[in-house]
C-alpha atoms as a PDB file:
ATOM      1  CA  UNK A   1      81.726 225.813  78.998  1.00  0.00           C
ATOM      2  CA  UNK A   2      82.345 222.309  78.266  1.00  0.00           C
ATOM      3  CA  UNK A   3      80.062 222.612  75.265  1.00  0.00           C
ATOM      4  CA  UNK A   4      82.108 225.227  73.762  1.00  0.00           C
ATOM      5  CA  UNK A   5      85.396 223.372  74.404  1.00  0.00           C
ATOM      6  CA  UNK A   6      83.881 220.294  72.767  1.00  0.00           C
ATOM      7  CA  UNK A   7      82.627 222.345  69.852  1.00  0.00           C
ATOM      8  CA  UNK A   8      86.036 223.893  69.388  1.00  0.00           C
ATOM      9  CA  UNK A   9      87.696 220.481  69.410  1.00  0.00           C
ATOM     10  CA  UNK A  10      85.294 219.040  66.816  1.00  0.00           C
ATOM     11  CA  UNK A  11      85.818 222.167  64.744  1.00  0.00           C
ATOM     12  CA  UNK A  12      89.666 221.526  64.748  1.00  0.00           C
ATOM     13  CA  UNK A  13      88.871 217.970  63.162  1.00  0.00           C
ATOM     14  CA  UNK A  14      87.527 219.608  59.897  1.00  0.00           C
ATOM     15  CA  UNK A  15      90.772 220.571  58.204  1.00  0.00           C
ATOM     16  CA  UNK A  16      92.006 217.053  58.628  1.00  0.00           C
ATOM     17  CA  UNK A  17      88.926 215.534  57.334  1.00  0.00           C
ATOM     18  CA  UNK A  18      89.040 218.148  54.383  1.00  0.00           C
ATOM     19  CA  UNK A  19      92.397 216.756  53.187  1.00  0.00           C
ATOM     20  CA  UNK A  20      90.814 213.256  52.387  1.00  0.00           C
ATOM     21  CA  UNK A  21      88.994 212.695  49.059  1.00  0.00           C
ATOM     22  CA  UNK A  22      85.263 213.035  48.959  1.00  0.00           C
ATOM     23  CA  UNK A  23      85.068 209.389  48.601  1.00  0.00           C
ATOM     24  CA  UNK A  24      87.215 208.597  51.758  1.00  0.00           C
ATOM     25  CA  UNK A  25      85.051 211.024  53.680  1.00  0.00           C
ATOM     26  CA  UNK A  26      81.834 209.260  52.384  1.00  0.00           C
ATOM     27  CA  UNK A  27      83.117 205.919  53.427  1.00  0.00           C
ATOM     28  CA  UNK A  28      84.126 207.111  57.022  1.00  0.00           C
ATOM     29  CA  UNK A  29      80.682 208.834  57.234  1.00  0.00           C
ATOM     30  CA  UNK A  30      78.811 205.728  56.123  1.00  0.00           C
ATOM     31  CA  UNK A  31      80.870 203.370  58.295  1.00  0.00           C
ATOM     32  CA  UNK A  32      81.307 205.307  61.516  1.00  0.00           C
ATOM     33  CA  UNK A  33      78.270 207.604  61.782  1.00  0.00           C
ATOM     34  CA  UNK A  34      75.617 205.744  59.680  1.00  0.00           C
ATOM     35  CA  UNK A  35      76.863 202.277  60.823  1.00  0.00           C
ATOM     36  CA  UNK A  36      76.662 200.750  57.429  1.00  0.00           C
ATOM     37  CA  UNK A  37      78.340 197.554  56.570  1.00  0.00           C
ATOM     38  CA  UNK A  38      81.007 197.353  54.066  1.00  0.00           C
ATOM     39  CA  UNK A  39      78.680 195.643  51.834  1.00  0.00           C
ATOM     40  CA  UNK A  40      76.149 198.300  52.045  1.00  0.00           C
ATOM     41  CA  UNK A  41      78.751 200.944  51.448  1.00  0.00           C
ATOM     42  CA  UNK A  42      79.962 199.086  48.494  1.00  0.00           C
ATOM     43  CA  UNK A  43      76.493 199.082  47.040  1.00  0.00           C
ATOM     44  CA  UNK A  44      75.843 202.773  47.689  1.00  0.00           C
ATOM     45  CA  UNK A  45      79.138 203.754  46.032  1.00  0.00           C
ATOM     46  CA  UNK A  46      79.296 201.201  43.199  1.00  0.00           C
ATOM     47  CA  UNK A  47      82.559 199.757  44.537  1.00  0.00           C
ATOM     48  CA  UNK A  48      83.740 196.280  45.752  1.00  0.00           C
ATOM     49  CA  UNK A  49      83.714 195.424  49.466  1.00  0.00           C
ATOM     50  CA  UNK A  50      87.363 195.035  49.530  1.00  0.00           C
ATOM     51  CA  UNK A  51      87.929 198.463  48.026  1.00  0.00           C
ATOM     52  CA  UNK A  52      85.793 199.997  50.540  1.00  0.00           C
ATOM     53  CA  UNK A  53      87.471 198.293  53.424  1.00  0.00           C
ATOM     54  CA  UNK A  54      91.071 199.366  51.906  1.00  0.00           C
ATOM     55  CA  UNK A  55      89.902 202.929  51.571  1.00  0.00           C
ATOM     56  CA  UNK A  56      88.449 202.984  55.157  1.00  0.00           C
ATOM     57  CA  UNK A  57      91.786 201.585  56.500  1.00  0.00           C
ATOM     58  CA  UNK A  58      93.858 203.977  54.552  1.00  0.00           C
ATOM     59  CA  UNK A  59      91.637 206.886  55.737  1.00  0.00           C
ATOM     60  CA  UNK A  60      91.995 206.106  59.269  1.00  0.00           C
ATOM     61  CA  UNK A  61      95.807 205.521  58.817  1.00  0.00           C
ATOM     62  CA  UNK A  62      96.137 209.030  57.099  1.00  0.00           C
ATOM     63  CA  UNK A  63      94.093 210.770  59.872  1.00  0.00           C
ATOM     64  CA  UNK A  64      96.229 209.136  62.527  1.00  0.00           C
ATOM     65  CA  UNK A  65      99.339 210.242  60.849  1.00  0.00           C
ATOM     66  CA  UNK A  66      98.277 213.833  60.259  1.00  0.00           C
ATOM     67  CA  UNK A  67      96.269 214.371  63.381  1.00  0.00           C
ATOM     68  CA  UNK A  68      97.667 215.183  66.843  1.00  0.00           C
ATOM     69  CA  UNK A  69      96.941 212.093  69.061  1.00  0.00           C
ATOM     70  CA  UNK A  70      94.446 213.941  71.082  1.00  0.00           C
ATOM     71  CA  UNK A  71      92.343 215.014  67.964  1.00  0.00           C
ATOM     72  CA  UNK A  72      92.426 211.441  66.571  1.00  0.00           C
ATOM     73  CA  UNK A  73      91.341 210.158  69.978  1.00  0.00           C
ATOM     74  CA  UNK A  74      88.483 212.772  69.972  1.00  0.00           C
ATOM     75  CA  UNK A  75      87.597 211.704  66.402  1.00  0.00           C
ATOM     76  CA  UNK A  76      87.417 208.029  67.439  1.00  0.00           C
ATOM     77  CA  UNK A  77      85.451 208.860  70.501  1.00  0.00           C
ATOM     78  CA  UNK A  78      82.852 210.834  68.583  1.00  0.00           C
ATOM     79  CA  UNK A  79      82.447 208.035  66.091  1.00  0.00           C
ATOM     80  CA  UNK A  80      81.997 205.414  68.869  1.00  0.00           C
ATOM     81  CA  UNK A  81      79.623 207.562  70.656  1.00  0.00           C
ATOM     82  CA  UNK A  82      77.235 207.349  67.650  1.00  0.00           C
ATOM     83  CA  UNK A  83      77.026 203.694  68.169  1.00  0.00           C
ATOM     84  CA  UNK A  84      75.693 204.062  71.693  1.00  0.00           C
END
């Protein structure tokens, strides 16, 4: 039953992520789930490191403003779990 609840919670993140631009989603994915450095992300996207850092920061800030706190914490937890 816990797996179903976790799936429902993760599915509830999708509408918030969909509101971000495709570039913002790409940066979040590359940084959080693929563990790429900002330098690597910049090379992949053809952007500067600074612009990737700024886009990442703005994306996280946007998600925090839009998501209920429990969903934002779930998003962060899921991201951190990918590191371990």
